Amino acid sequence: MVIAPSILNINNLNLGKDIQMAIDCGISRFHIDIMDGHFVPNLSFGPQLVSDFKKTFPTTEVEVHLMSNNPDVLVPAFVKAGAQIVLLHYEAMNENKLNYWLDYLKENNVKAGLVLNPDTAISVLQKFLGKVDQILLMTVYPGFGGQEFIPESSSRIKQAVSLSTGKVPIEVDGGINKQTAKIAKDAGAKIFVAGSYLFCQNSIKKQITELEGILQ
């Protein structure tokens, strides 16, 4: 099981400090949400943040969750910035373009992930299983942190695990806390993105420890 903290809900003035605190607690991967104000109605970070992250924390893995319908510009930029995993939304582009960028990531030795929104049929995964290193299922509607876990997500996780025959790890993102992490784990999820649950409470260490306890 992997916890991949999302830095979206960290106070921007505390980013470096809170990231280091999570690393000190054993976190080895971070989830960076990239929102362009078009595909989702919010703005977040850019390639410079990823570049700075890798310079400051070179041994820590970065996965970029690209919530953008402008992959032609942003995918190469984040690969150049040092992202080790790039997660692309099925809904952000046509399937030909999606295939192109999944191939591009492989050619550049970057792990490729496919993201599905809550309303997208799990069956679309069948077309891309041979090209992806992980599957991210949104358990909220993308765009803002702090939302509640969608209950129907459990059955979608089970469907994805069955379709991929357990060979591609399933990641969940949205509304993850002690209760929903257990639901997602029991359904077959292996990677857990948590943001506000970890960084908007009193103690980052306490929250990580509690979540790890649930996922053991």
N, C-alpha and C. Protein backbone atom coordinates (compact mmCIF):
# COMPACT_ATOMS: atom_id res chain seq x y z
N MET A 1 0.84 -1.19 0.00
CA MET A 1 0.00 0.00 0.00
C MET A 1 0.88 1.25 0.00
N VAL A 2 0.48 2.24 -0.77
CA VAL A 2 1.25 3.46 -0.89
C VAL A 2 0.35 4.66 -0.55
N ILE A 3 0.84 5.54 0.32
CA ILE A 3 0.18 6.81 0.56
C ILE A 3 0.92 7.86 -0.25
N ALA A 4 0.17 8.57 -1.11
CA ALA A 4 0.76 9.62 -1.94
C ALA A 4 0.08 10.94 -1.57
N PRO A 5 0.64 11.67 -0.61
CA PRO A 5 -0.01 12.91 -0.17
C PRO A 5 -0.15 13.93 -1.29
N SER A 6 -1.32 14.52 -1.37
CA SER A 6 -1.54 15.63 -2.30
C SER A 6 -1.17 16.93 -1.60
N ILE A 7 -0.38 17.75 -2.28
CA ILE A 7 0.06 19.01 -1.67
C ILE A 7 -0.93 20.15 -1.92
N LEU A 8 -2.06 19.85 -2.57
CA LEU A 8 -2.99 20.90 -2.97
C LEU A 8 -3.51 21.70 -1.80
N ASN A 9 -3.74 21.04 -0.67
CA ASN A 9 -4.33 21.73 0.48
C ASN A 9 -3.32 22.25 1.49
N ILE A 10 -2.03 22.13 1.17
CA ILE A 10 -1.02 22.71 2.05
C ILE A 10 -1.02 24.23 1.87
N ASN A 11 -0.91 24.95 2.96
CA ASN A 11 -0.69 26.40 2.87
C ASN A 11 0.55 26.63 2.03
N ASN A 12 0.41 27.39 0.95
CA ASN A 12 1.54 27.58 0.03
C ASN A 12 2.78 28.13 0.71
N LEU A 13 2.60 28.88 1.77
CA LEU A 13 3.74 29.45 2.48
C LEU A 13 4.46 28.41 3.33
N ASN A 14 3.84 27.23 3.49
CA ASN A 14 4.44 26.16 4.30
C ASN A 14 4.81 24.93 3.48
N LEU A 15 4.81 25.05 2.16
CA LEU A 15 4.98 23.86 1.31
C LEU A 15 6.23 23.05 1.66
N GLY A 16 7.38 23.69 1.64
CA GLY A 16 8.63 22.96 1.88
C GLY A 16 8.66 22.32 3.25
N LYS A 17 8.21 23.05 4.25
CA LYS A 17 8.24 22.54 5.63
C LYS A 17 7.32 21.33 5.79
N ASP A 18 6.10 21.42 5.26
CA ASP A 18 5.15 20.33 5.44
C ASP A 18 5.53 19.11 4.60
N ILE A 19 6.08 19.33 3.42
CA ILE A 19 6.56 18.20 2.62
C ILE A 19 7.68 17.48 3.36
N GLN A 20 8.62 18.24 3.91
CA GLN A 20 9.72 17.61 4.65
C GLN A 20 9.21 16.85 5.86
N MET A 21 8.20 17.40 6.53
CA MET A 21 7.63 16.72 7.69
C MET A 21 7.03 15.38 7.29
N ALA A 22 6.35 15.35 6.14
CA ALA A 22 5.76 14.09 5.68
C ALA A 22 6.85 13.09 5.27
N ILE A 23 7.91 13.57 4.63
CA ILE A 23 9.04 12.71 4.27
C ILE A 23 9.67 12.11 5.52
N ASP A 24 9.80 12.92 6.55
CA ASP A 24 10.37 12.44 7.82
C ASP A 24 9.51 11.35 8.44
N CYS A 25 8.24 11.29 8.06
CA CYS A 25 7.33 10.25 8.56
C CYS A 25 7.33 9.01 7.67
N GLY A 26 8.18 9.01 6.63
CA GLY A 26 8.31 7.83 5.79
C GLY A 26 7.65 7.93 4.43
N ILE A 27 7.06 9.08 4.10
CA ILE A 27 6.42 9.23 2.79
C ILE A 27 7.49 9.30 1.71
N SER A 28 7.30 8.53 0.63
CA SER A 28 8.31 8.49 -0.44
C SER A 28 7.75 8.92 -1.80
N ARG A 29 6.45 9.26 -1.84
CA ARG A 29 5.83 9.72 -3.09
C ARG A 29 4.83 10.84 -2.77
N PHE A 30 4.82 11.86 -3.63
CA PHE A 30 3.85 12.94 -3.50
C PHE A 30 3.05 13.08 -4.78
N HIS A 31 1.82 13.51 -4.62
CA HIS A 31 0.86 13.69 -5.70
C HIS A 31 0.68 15.19 -5.91
N ILE A 32 0.98 15.66 -7.13
CA ILE A 32 0.89 17.09 -7.42
C ILE A 32 -0.21 17.31 -8.44
N ASP A 33 -1.25 18.01 -8.01
CA ASP A 33 -2.41 18.29 -8.86
C ASP A 33 -2.14 19.50 -9.73
N ILE A 34 -2.26 19.31 -11.04
CA ILE A 34 -2.06 20.40 -11.99
C ILE A 34 -3.41 20.74 -12.61
N MET A 35 -3.91 21.94 -12.29
CA MET A 35 -5.21 22.40 -12.78
C MET A 35 -5.01 23.64 -13.63
N ASP A 36 -5.67 23.63 -14.82
CA ASP A 36 -5.38 24.70 -15.78
C ASP A 36 -6.46 25.76 -15.90
N GLY A 37 -7.54 25.63 -15.12
CA GLY A 37 -8.61 26.61 -15.19
C GLY A 37 -9.56 26.40 -16.36
N HIS A 38 -9.31 25.37 -17.20
CA HIS A 38 -10.16 25.08 -18.35
C HIS A 38 -10.82 23.71 -18.19
N PHE A 39 -10.00 22.68 -18.07
CA PHE A 39 -10.55 21.33 -17.89
C PHE A 39 -11.27 21.22 -16.56
N VAL A 40 -10.74 21.88 -15.55
CA VAL A 40 -11.41 22.02 -14.25
C VAL A 40 -11.40 23.50 -13.88
N PRO A 41 -12.38 23.94 -13.09
CA PRO A 41 -12.49 25.37 -12.78
C PRO A 41 -11.61 25.80 -11.61
N ASN A 42 -10.33 25.52 -11.72
CA ASN A 42 -9.41 25.91 -10.65
C ASN A 42 -8.02 25.98 -11.25
N LEU A 43 -7.14 26.68 -10.57
CA LEU A 43 -5.74 26.80 -10.97
C LEU A 43 -4.86 26.30 -9.82
N SER A 44 -3.75 25.65 -10.17
CA SER A 44 -2.86 25.22 -9.08
C SER A 44 -1.41 25.50 -9.44
N PHE A 45 -0.64 24.43 -9.71
CA PHE A 45 0.81 24.55 -9.85
C PHE A 45 1.25 24.43 -11.31
N GLY A 46 2.54 24.69 -11.53
CA GLY A 46 3.11 24.56 -12.86
C GLY A 46 4.39 23.75 -12.83
N PRO A 47 5.06 23.60 -13.97
CA PRO A 47 6.28 22.80 -14.05
C PRO A 47 7.38 23.28 -13.11
N GLN A 48 7.45 24.57 -12.84
CA GLN A 48 8.52 25.07 -11.98
C GLN A 48 8.42 24.48 -10.58
N LEU A 49 7.21 24.28 -10.10
CA LEU A 49 7.04 23.68 -8.77
C LEU A 49 7.62 22.27 -8.75
N VAL A 50 7.38 21.49 -9.81
CA VAL A 50 7.92 20.12 -9.88
C VAL A 50 9.44 20.16 -9.96
N SER A 51 9.97 21.07 -10.76
CA SER A 51 11.43 21.21 -10.87
C SER A 51 12.04 21.56 -9.52
N ASP A 52 11.44 22.50 -8.82
CA ASP A 52 11.94 22.90 -7.51
C ASP A 52 11.83 21.75 -6.51
N PHE A 53 10.74 21.01 -6.60
CA PHE A 53 10.54 19.86 -5.71
C PHE A 53 11.66 18.85 -5.89
N LYS A 54 11.96 18.50 -7.14
CA LYS A 54 12.98 17.49 -7.40
C LYS A 54 14.38 17.95 -7.02
N LYS A 55 14.62 19.25 -7.11
CA LYS A 55 15.92 19.77 -6.68
C LYS A 55 16.06 19.71 -5.16
N THR A 56 14.96 19.97 -4.47
CA THR A 56 15.00 20.01 -3.01
C THR A 56 14.88 18.63 -2.39
N PHE A 57 14.07 17.76 -3.01
CA PHE A 57 13.83 16.41 -2.49
C PHE A 57 14.12 15.39 -3.59
N PRO A 58 15.37 15.24 -4.00
CA PRO A 58 15.71 14.45 -5.19
C PRO A 58 15.38 12.97 -5.10
N THR A 59 15.31 12.41 -3.90
CA THR A 59 15.05 10.97 -3.79
C THR A 59 13.57 10.66 -3.59
N THR A 60 12.73 11.68 -3.59
CA THR A 60 11.29 11.49 -3.39
C THR A 60 10.57 11.48 -4.73
N GLU A 61 9.69 10.51 -4.90
CA GLU A 61 9.00 10.33 -6.18
C GLU A 61 7.87 11.35 -6.33
N VAL A 62 7.73 11.87 -7.55
CA VAL A 62 6.68 12.84 -7.86
C VAL A 62 5.75 12.26 -8.92
N GLU A 63 4.46 12.24 -8.60
CA GLU A 63 3.47 11.92 -9.63
C GLU A 63 2.65 13.18 -9.90
N VAL A 64 2.51 13.50 -11.18
CA VAL A 64 1.77 14.68 -11.62
C VAL A 64 0.41 14.24 -12.14
N HIS A 65 -0.63 14.78 -11.52
CA HIS A 65 -2.01 14.53 -11.94
C HIS A 65 -2.43 15.69 -12.83
N LEU A 66 -2.42 15.45 -14.14
CA LEU A 66 -2.61 16.52 -15.11
C LEU A 66 -4.10 16.69 -15.42
N MET A 67 -4.69 17.69 -14.79
CA MET A 67 -6.08 18.04 -15.05
C MET A 67 -6.09 19.18 -16.06
N SER A 68 -5.86 18.82 -17.32
CA SER A 68 -5.73 19.81 -18.38
C SER A 68 -6.06 19.18 -19.72
N ASN A 69 -6.68 19.97 -20.60
CA ASN A 69 -6.92 19.52 -21.97
C ASN A 69 -5.92 20.14 -22.93
N ASN A 70 -4.73 20.48 -22.39
CA ASN A 70 -3.65 21.02 -23.21
C ASN A 70 -2.38 20.17 -23.05
N PRO A 71 -2.48 18.87 -23.36
CA PRO A 71 -1.32 17.98 -23.14
C PRO A 71 -0.14 18.31 -24.04
N ASP A 72 -0.41 18.90 -25.22
CA ASP A 72 0.67 19.17 -26.16
C ASP A 72 1.75 20.07 -25.55
N VAL A 73 1.33 20.99 -24.71
CA VAL A 73 2.26 21.89 -24.05
C VAL A 73 2.73 21.32 -22.71
N LEU A 74 1.79 20.78 -21.93
CA LEU A 74 2.09 20.47 -20.54
C LEU A 74 2.78 19.13 -20.32
N VAL A 75 2.46 18.11 -21.10
CA VAL A 75 3.12 16.81 -20.87
C VAL A 75 4.63 16.93 -21.05
N PRO A 76 5.13 17.48 -22.17
CA PRO A 76 6.58 17.62 -22.30
C PRO A 76 7.20 18.50 -21.22
N ALA A 77 6.46 19.53 -20.79
CA ALA A 77 6.99 20.44 -19.77
C ALA A 77 7.17 19.73 -18.44
N PHE A 78 6.24 18.89 -18.07
CA PHE A 78 6.36 18.19 -16.79
C PHE A 78 7.35 17.03 -16.86
N VAL A 79 7.48 16.42 -18.01
CA VAL A 79 8.54 15.41 -18.18
C VAL A 79 9.90 16.07 -18.02
N LYS A 80 10.10 17.22 -18.65
CA LYS A 80 11.35 17.96 -18.54
C LYS A 80 11.61 18.41 -17.11
N ALA A 81 10.54 18.73 -16.38
CA ALA A 81 10.68 19.21 -15.00
C ALA A 81 11.09 18.11 -14.03
N GLY A 82 10.93 16.83 -14.44
CA GLY A 82 11.38 15.73 -13.60
C GLY A 82 10.30 14.85 -13.02
N ALA A 83 9.06 15.00 -13.46
CA ALA A 83 8.00 14.12 -12.97
C ALA A 83 8.32 12.68 -13.33
N GLN A 84 8.14 11.78 -12.36
CA GLN A 84 8.42 10.37 -12.61
C GLN A 84 7.19 9.58 -13.02
N ILE A 85 6.01 10.12 -12.69
CA ILE A 85 4.73 9.53 -13.08
C ILE A 85 3.86 10.68 -13.57
N VAL A 86 3.23 10.50 -14.72
CA VAL A 86 2.27 11.49 -15.21
C VAL A 86 0.93 10.80 -15.43
N LEU A 87 -0.11 11.34 -14.83
CA LEU A 87 -1.44 10.77 -14.88
C LEU A 87 -2.31 11.63 -15.79
N LEU A 88 -2.86 11.01 -16.85
CA LEU A 88 -3.63 11.73 -17.86
C LEU A 88 -5.11 11.37 -17.76
N HIS A 89 -5.96 12.38 -17.89
CA HIS A 89 -7.41 12.16 -17.85
C HIS A 89 -7.93 11.64 -19.18
N TYR A 90 -8.70 10.56 -19.12
CA TYR A 90 -9.37 10.03 -20.30
C TYR A 90 -10.26 11.09 -20.94
N GLU A 91 -10.90 11.91 -20.09
CA GLU A 91 -11.90 12.87 -20.57
C GLU A 91 -11.28 14.12 -21.19
N ALA A 92 -9.97 14.28 -21.09
CA ALA A 92 -9.33 15.54 -21.49
C ALA A 92 -8.92 15.58 -22.96
N MET A 93 -9.02 14.45 -23.65
CA MET A 93 -8.54 14.41 -25.04
C MET A 93 -9.17 13.21 -25.75
N ASN A 94 -9.08 13.19 -27.08
CA ASN A 94 -9.61 12.02 -27.78
C ASN A 94 -8.65 10.83 -27.61
N GLU A 95 -9.13 9.66 -27.96
CA GLU A 95 -8.36 8.44 -27.68
C GLU A 95 -7.07 8.36 -28.48
N ASN A 96 -7.07 8.88 -29.70
CA ASN A 96 -5.83 8.88 -30.49
C ASN A 96 -4.76 9.71 -29.81
N LYS A 97 -5.15 10.88 -29.33
CA LYS A 97 -4.18 11.73 -28.65
C LYS A 97 -3.72 11.10 -27.34
N LEU A 98 -4.65 10.49 -26.63
CA LEU A 98 -4.30 9.83 -25.38
C LEU A 98 -3.28 8.72 -25.63
N ASN A 99 -3.49 7.92 -26.66
CA ASN A 99 -2.53 6.88 -27.01
C ASN A 99 -1.16 7.47 -27.33
N TYR A 100 -1.17 8.59 -28.05
CA TYR A 100 0.09 9.24 -28.40
C TYR A 100 0.87 9.65 -27.15
N TRP A 101 0.18 10.27 -26.19
CA TRP A 101 0.89 10.77 -25.01
C TRP A 101 1.27 9.65 -24.05
N LEU A 102 0.50 8.60 -24.00
CA LEU A 102 0.91 7.44 -23.20
C LEU A 102 2.19 6.83 -23.78
N ASP A 103 2.25 6.74 -25.10
CA ASP A 103 3.47 6.24 -25.75
C ASP A 103 4.65 7.19 -25.50
N TYR A 104 4.38 8.48 -25.57
CA TYR A 104 5.42 9.49 -25.34
C TYR A 104 6.04 9.34 -23.95
N LEU A 105 5.19 9.13 -22.96
CA LEU A 105 5.70 8.97 -21.60
C LEU A 105 6.61 7.75 -21.51
N LYS A 106 6.19 6.65 -22.09
CA LYS A 106 7.00 5.43 -22.07
C LYS A 106 8.35 5.66 -22.75
N GLU A 107 8.30 6.34 -23.89
CA GLU A 107 9.54 6.60 -24.64
C GLU A 107 10.50 7.48 -23.86
N ASN A 108 9.98 8.25 -22.93
CA ASN A 108 10.81 9.15 -22.12
C ASN A 108 11.04 8.61 -20.70
N ASN A 109 10.79 7.31 -20.54
CA ASN A 109 11.06 6.63 -19.26
C ASN A 109 10.30 7.25 -18.08
N VAL A 110 9.07 7.68 -18.37
CA VAL A 110 8.18 8.20 -17.33
C VAL A 110 7.01 7.24 -17.22
N LYS A 111 6.64 6.87 -16.01
CA LYS A 111 5.50 5.99 -15.82
C LYS A 111 4.22 6.71 -16.24
N ALA A 112 3.32 5.96 -16.86
CA ALA A 112 2.09 6.52 -17.39
C ALA A 112 0.89 6.03 -16.59
N GLY A 113 0.01 6.97 -16.27
CA GLY A 113 -1.21 6.61 -15.57
C GLY A 113 -2.42 7.16 -16.29
N LEU A 114 -3.54 6.47 -16.15
CA LEU A 114 -4.80 6.91 -16.75
C LEU A 114 -5.79 7.22 -15.64
N VAL A 115 -6.44 8.38 -15.76
CA VAL A 115 -7.39 8.85 -14.75
C VAL A 115 -8.80 8.81 -15.32
N LEU A 116 -9.74 8.31 -14.51
CA LEU A 116 -11.15 8.33 -14.88
C LEU A 116 -11.95 9.14 -13.89
N ASN A 117 -12.80 10.03 -14.40
CA ASN A 117 -13.74 10.77 -13.58
C ASN A 117 -14.84 9.84 -13.08
N PRO A 118 -15.59 10.25 -12.05
CA PRO A 118 -16.60 9.35 -11.47
C PRO A 118 -17.69 8.90 -12.44
N ASP A 119 -17.97 9.68 -13.48
CA ASP A 119 -19.05 9.32 -14.41
C ASP A 119 -18.56 8.55 -15.63
N THR A 120 -17.26 8.32 -15.75
CA THR A 120 -16.72 7.62 -16.92
C THR A 120 -16.77 6.11 -16.70
N ALA A 121 -17.24 5.39 -17.71
CA ALA A 121 -17.39 3.94 -17.59
C ALA A 121 -16.02 3.27 -17.38
N ILE A 122 -15.97 2.37 -16.43
CA ILE A 122 -14.73 1.63 -16.14
C ILE A 122 -14.28 0.82 -17.37
N SER A 123 -15.23 0.44 -18.21
CA SER A 123 -14.91 -0.40 -19.37
C SER A 123 -13.92 0.24 -20.33
N VAL A 124 -13.79 1.58 -20.33
CA VAL A 124 -12.86 2.22 -21.26
C VAL A 124 -11.41 1.84 -20.96
N LEU A 125 -11.16 1.38 -19.75
CA LEU A 125 -9.79 0.99 -19.37
C LEU A 125 -9.26 -0.13 -20.25
N GLN A 126 -10.17 -0.97 -20.74
CA GLN A 126 -9.76 -2.14 -21.51
C GLN A 126 -8.85 -1.77 -22.68
N LYS A 127 -9.08 -0.60 -23.27
CA LYS A 127 -8.33 -0.18 -24.46
C LYS A 127 -6.89 0.22 -24.15
N PHE A 128 -6.60 0.49 -22.86
CA PHE A 128 -5.31 1.10 -22.53
C PHE A 128 -4.48 0.30 -21.53
N LEU A 129 -4.96 -0.87 -21.14
CA LEU A 129 -4.28 -1.61 -20.08
C LEU A 129 -2.84 -1.95 -20.42
N GLY A 130 -2.55 -2.16 -21.69
CA GLY A 130 -1.19 -2.51 -22.07
C GLY A 130 -0.23 -1.33 -22.06
N LYS A 131 -0.75 -0.13 -21.83
CA LYS A 131 0.09 1.07 -21.91
C LYS A 131 0.25 1.79 -20.58
N VAL A 132 -0.46 1.38 -19.55
CA VAL A 132 -0.44 2.16 -18.31
C VAL A 132 0.23 1.40 -17.16
N ASP A 133 0.86 2.17 -16.30
CA ASP A 133 1.52 1.62 -15.11
C ASP A 133 0.62 1.68 -13.89
N GLN A 134 -0.37 2.55 -13.92
CA GLN A 134 -1.34 2.60 -12.84
C GLN A 134 -2.61 3.27 -13.34
N ILE A 135 -3.69 3.04 -12.61
CA ILE A 135 -5.00 3.60 -12.93
C ILE A 135 -5.45 4.43 -11.73
N LEU A 136 -5.84 5.67 -12.00
CA LEU A 136 -6.34 6.54 -10.93
C LEU A 136 -7.84 6.71 -11.11
N LEU A 137 -8.59 6.31 -10.11
CA LEU A 137 -10.03 6.53 -10.11
C LEU A 137 -10.35 7.71 -9.21
N MET A 138 -10.98 8.72 -9.79
CA MET A 138 -11.41 9.87 -8.99
C MET A 138 -12.60 9.43 -8.13
N THR A 139 -12.49 9.67 -6.84
CA THR A 139 -13.56 9.33 -5.92
C THR A 139 -14.31 10.59 -5.46
N VAL A 140 -13.98 11.70 -6.13
CA VAL A 140 -14.74 12.95 -6.08
C VAL A 140 -14.69 13.52 -7.50
N TYR A 141 -15.42 14.59 -7.75
CA TYR A 141 -15.30 15.27 -9.04
C TYR A 141 -14.09 16.19 -8.99
N PRO A 142 -13.22 16.14 -10.00
CA PRO A 142 -11.94 16.85 -9.93
C PRO A 142 -12.11 18.37 -9.94
N GLY A 143 -11.15 19.03 -9.28
CA GLY A 143 -11.11 20.48 -9.33
C GLY A 143 -10.85 21.14 -8.00
N PHE A 144 -11.31 20.52 -6.92
CA PHE A 144 -11.14 21.15 -5.61
C PHE A 144 -10.88 20.08 -4.55
N GLY A 145 -10.02 20.41 -3.58
CA GLY A 145 -9.77 19.51 -2.47
C GLY A 145 -10.87 19.63 -1.43
N GLY A 146 -10.87 18.68 -0.49
CA GLY A 146 -11.79 18.75 0.64
C GLY A 146 -13.19 18.22 0.39
N GLN A 147 -13.41 17.54 -0.77
CA GLN A 147 -14.73 17.00 -1.07
C GLN A 147 -14.95 15.65 -0.39
N GLU A 148 -16.21 15.21 -0.34
CA GLU A 148 -16.55 13.94 0.28
C GLU A 148 -16.47 12.79 -0.72
N PHE A 149 -15.97 11.67 -0.26
CA PHE A 149 -15.85 10.44 -1.03
C PHE A 149 -17.20 10.01 -1.58
N ILE A 150 -17.26 9.70 -2.88
CA ILE A 150 -18.51 9.24 -3.51
C ILE A 150 -18.71 7.77 -3.19
N PRO A 151 -19.81 7.40 -2.51
CA PRO A 151 -19.99 6.01 -2.06
C PRO A 151 -19.91 4.97 -3.17
N GLU A 152 -20.39 5.32 -4.37
CA GLU A 152 -20.37 4.35 -5.48
C GLU A 152 -18.96 4.00 -5.94
N SER A 153 -17.96 4.71 -5.42
CA SER A 153 -16.58 4.46 -5.82
C SER A 153 -16.12 3.05 -5.49
N SER A 154 -16.64 2.48 -4.45
CA SER A 154 -16.22 1.14 -4.04
C SER A 154 -16.47 0.13 -5.15
N SER A 155 -17.64 0.15 -5.75
CA SER A 155 -17.94 -0.82 -6.81
C SER A 155 -17.11 -0.54 -8.05
N ARG A 156 -16.79 0.73 -8.30
CA ARG A 156 -15.95 1.08 -9.45
C ARG A 156 -14.52 0.56 -9.26
N ILE A 157 -14.02 0.64 -8.05
CA ILE A 157 -12.69 0.10 -7.76
C ILE A 157 -12.67 -1.41 -8.01
N LYS A 158 -13.69 -2.09 -7.53
CA LYS A 158 -13.77 -3.54 -7.75
C LYS A 158 -13.81 -3.88 -9.23
N GLN A 159 -14.57 -3.11 -10.00
CA GLN A 159 -14.64 -3.34 -11.44
C GLN A 159 -13.27 -3.16 -12.10
N ALA A 160 -12.56 -2.11 -11.69
CA ALA A 160 -11.24 -1.83 -12.28
C ALA A 160 -10.24 -2.92 -11.93
N VAL A 161 -10.29 -3.39 -10.70
CA VAL A 161 -9.39 -4.48 -10.28
C VAL A 161 -9.68 -5.73 -11.10
N SER A 162 -10.96 -6.04 -11.29
CA SER A 162 -11.35 -7.22 -12.06
C SER A 162 -10.92 -7.09 -13.52
N LEU A 163 -11.16 -5.92 -14.11
CA LEU A 163 -10.84 -5.71 -15.52
C LEU A 163 -9.34 -5.81 -15.77
N SER A 164 -8.55 -5.30 -14.83
CA SER A 164 -7.10 -5.32 -14.99
C SER A 164 -6.47 -6.60 -14.45
N THR A 165 -7.31 -7.52 -13.98
CA THR A 165 -6.90 -8.79 -13.36
C THR A 165 -5.84 -8.58 -12.28
N GLY A 166 -5.92 -7.43 -11.62
CA GLY A 166 -5.03 -7.14 -10.51
C GLY A 166 -3.60 -6.82 -10.90
N LYS A 167 -3.33 -6.69 -12.21
CA LYS A 167 -1.95 -6.47 -12.66
C LYS A 167 -1.55 -5.00 -12.69
N VAL A 168 -2.52 -4.10 -12.70
CA VAL A 168 -2.24 -2.67 -12.73
C VAL A 168 -2.76 -2.07 -11.43
N PRO A 169 -1.90 -1.45 -10.61
CA PRO A 169 -2.36 -0.91 -9.33
C PRO A 169 -3.41 0.18 -9.50
N ILE A 170 -4.41 0.13 -8.65
CA ILE A 170 -5.49 1.11 -8.67
C ILE A 170 -5.24 2.16 -7.59
N GLU A 171 -5.27 3.40 -8.01
CA GLU A 171 -5.08 4.54 -7.10
C GLU A 171 -6.42 5.24 -6.93
N VAL A 172 -6.65 5.78 -5.74
CA VAL A 172 -7.90 6.52 -5.47
C VAL A 172 -7.55 7.92 -4.99
N ASP A 173 -8.38 8.89 -5.40
CA ASP A 173 -8.10 10.29 -5.12
C ASP A 173 -9.41 11.02 -4.86
N GLY A 174 -9.55 11.51 -3.61
CA GLY A 174 -10.71 12.33 -3.28
C GLY A 174 -11.45 11.84 -2.05
N GLY A 175 -11.47 12.68 -1.02
CA GLY A 175 -12.23 12.33 0.19
C GLY A 175 -11.64 11.19 0.99
N ILE A 176 -10.33 10.99 0.89
CA ILE A 176 -9.70 9.85 1.59
C ILE A 176 -9.41 10.23 3.03
N ASN A 177 -9.95 9.43 3.94
CA ASN A 177 -9.69 9.55 5.38
C ASN A 177 -9.64 8.13 5.96
N LYS A 178 -9.68 8.01 7.27
CA LYS A 178 -9.57 6.68 7.87
C LYS A 178 -10.69 5.75 7.39
N GLN A 179 -11.90 6.26 7.34
CA GLN A 179 -13.03 5.41 6.99
C GLN A 179 -13.03 5.05 5.50
N THR A 180 -12.83 6.06 4.65
CA THR A 180 -12.91 5.80 3.21
C THR A 180 -11.69 5.06 2.69
N ALA A 181 -10.54 5.24 3.35
CA ALA A 181 -9.35 4.49 2.95
C ALA A 181 -9.58 3.00 3.14
N LYS A 182 -10.24 2.64 4.23
CA LYS A 182 -10.54 1.22 4.47
C LYS A 182 -11.51 0.69 3.42
N ILE A 183 -12.51 1.49 3.07
CA ILE A 183 -13.46 1.07 2.03
C ILE A 183 -12.73 0.83 0.71
N ALA A 184 -11.86 1.78 0.35
CA ALA A 184 -11.13 1.66 -0.92
C ALA A 184 -10.15 0.49 -0.88
N LYS A 185 -9.48 0.32 0.25
CA LYS A 185 -8.53 -0.81 0.39
C LYS A 185 -9.28 -2.14 0.25
N ASP A 186 -10.41 -2.27 0.94
CA ASP A 186 -11.16 -3.52 0.88
C ASP A 186 -11.67 -3.81 -0.53
N ALA A 187 -11.87 -2.74 -1.33
CA ALA A 187 -12.33 -2.92 -2.71
C ALA A 187 -11.19 -3.27 -3.65
N GLY A 188 -9.93 -3.08 -3.19
CA GLY A 188 -8.78 -3.47 -4.00
C GLY A 188 -7.81 -2.37 -4.37
N ALA A 189 -8.02 -1.15 -3.89
CA ALA A 189 -7.10 -0.06 -4.18
C ALA A 189 -5.75 -0.30 -3.51
N LYS A 190 -4.67 0.18 -4.17
CA LYS A 190 -3.31 0.00 -3.66
C LYS A 190 -2.59 1.32 -3.36
N ILE A 191 -3.05 2.43 -3.97
CA ILE A 191 -2.39 3.72 -3.80
C ILE A 191 -3.46 4.72 -3.37
N PHE A 192 -3.12 5.52 -2.35
CA PHE A 192 -4.12 6.38 -1.73
C PHE A 192 -3.63 7.82 -1.69
N VAL A 193 -4.37 8.70 -2.39
CA VAL A 193 -4.06 10.12 -2.37
C VAL A 193 -4.86 10.77 -1.25
N ALA A 194 -4.18 11.46 -0.37
CA ALA A 194 -4.87 12.16 0.71
C ALA A 194 -4.26 13.55 0.85
N GLY A 195 -5.12 14.55 1.00
CA GLY A 195 -4.65 15.92 1.09
C GLY A 195 -5.08 16.60 2.36
N SER A 196 -6.32 17.05 2.39
CA SER A 196 -6.80 17.79 3.56
C SER A 196 -6.76 16.93 4.82
N TYR A 197 -6.97 15.62 4.69
CA TYR A 197 -6.92 14.74 5.86
C TYR A 197 -5.55 14.75 6.52
N LEU A 198 -4.51 14.88 5.72
CA LEU A 198 -3.14 14.87 6.25
C LEU A 198 -2.65 16.25 6.66
N PHE A 199 -2.99 17.27 5.88
CA PHE A 199 -2.35 18.57 6.05
C PHE A 199 -3.22 19.65 6.68
N CYS A 200 -4.49 19.36 6.91
CA CYS A 200 -5.39 20.38 7.48
C CYS A 200 -5.84 20.00 8.89
N GLN A 201 -5.09 19.14 9.54
CA GLN A 201 -5.38 18.74 10.92
C GLN A 201 -4.26 19.28 11.82
N ASN A 202 -4.24 18.83 13.05
CA ASN A 202 -3.28 19.37 14.00
C ASN A 202 -1.87 18.84 13.82
N SER A 203 -1.74 17.58 13.41
CA SER A 203 -0.42 16.95 13.34
C SER A 203 -0.30 16.09 12.09
N ILE A 204 0.61 16.45 11.21
CA ILE A 204 0.85 15.65 10.00
C ILE A 204 1.30 14.24 10.38
N LYS A 205 2.20 14.16 11.34
CA LYS A 205 2.71 12.85 11.76
C LYS A 205 1.59 11.97 12.28
N LYS A 206 0.70 12.53 13.11
CA LYS A 206 -0.41 11.76 13.66
C LYS A 206 -1.33 11.27 12.55
N GLN A 207 -1.63 12.12 11.60
CA GLN A 207 -2.55 11.74 10.52
C GLN A 207 -1.95 10.65 9.64
N ILE A 208 -0.66 10.78 9.31
CA ILE A 208 -0.01 9.75 8.49
C ILE A 208 0.02 8.43 9.24
N THR A 209 0.34 8.46 10.52
CA THR A 209 0.40 7.24 11.33
C THR A 209 -0.95 6.56 11.38
N GLU A 210 -2.01 7.35 11.53
CA GLU A 210 -3.36 6.78 11.60
C GLU A 210 -3.74 6.13 10.26
N LEU A 211 -3.43 6.82 9.17
CA LEU A 211 -3.77 6.27 7.85
C LEU A 211 -2.97 5.02 7.55
N GLU A 212 -1.70 5.02 7.92
CA GLU A 212 -0.87 3.82 7.73
C GLU A 212 -1.43 2.65 8.51
N GLY A 213 -1.94 2.92 9.70
CA GLY A 213 -2.52 1.85 10.52
C GLY A 213 -3.72 1.20 9.86
N ILE A 214 -4.53 2.00 9.19
CA ILE A 214 -5.68 1.49 8.48
C ILE A 214 -5.28 0.64 7.28
N LEU A 215 -4.18 1.02 6.63
CA LEU A 215 -3.79 0.39 5.38
C LEU A 215 -2.85 -0.81 5.55
N GLN A 216 -2.44 -1.09 6.76
CA GLN A 216 -1.55 -2.24 6.98
C GLN A 216 -2.27 -3.55 6.71
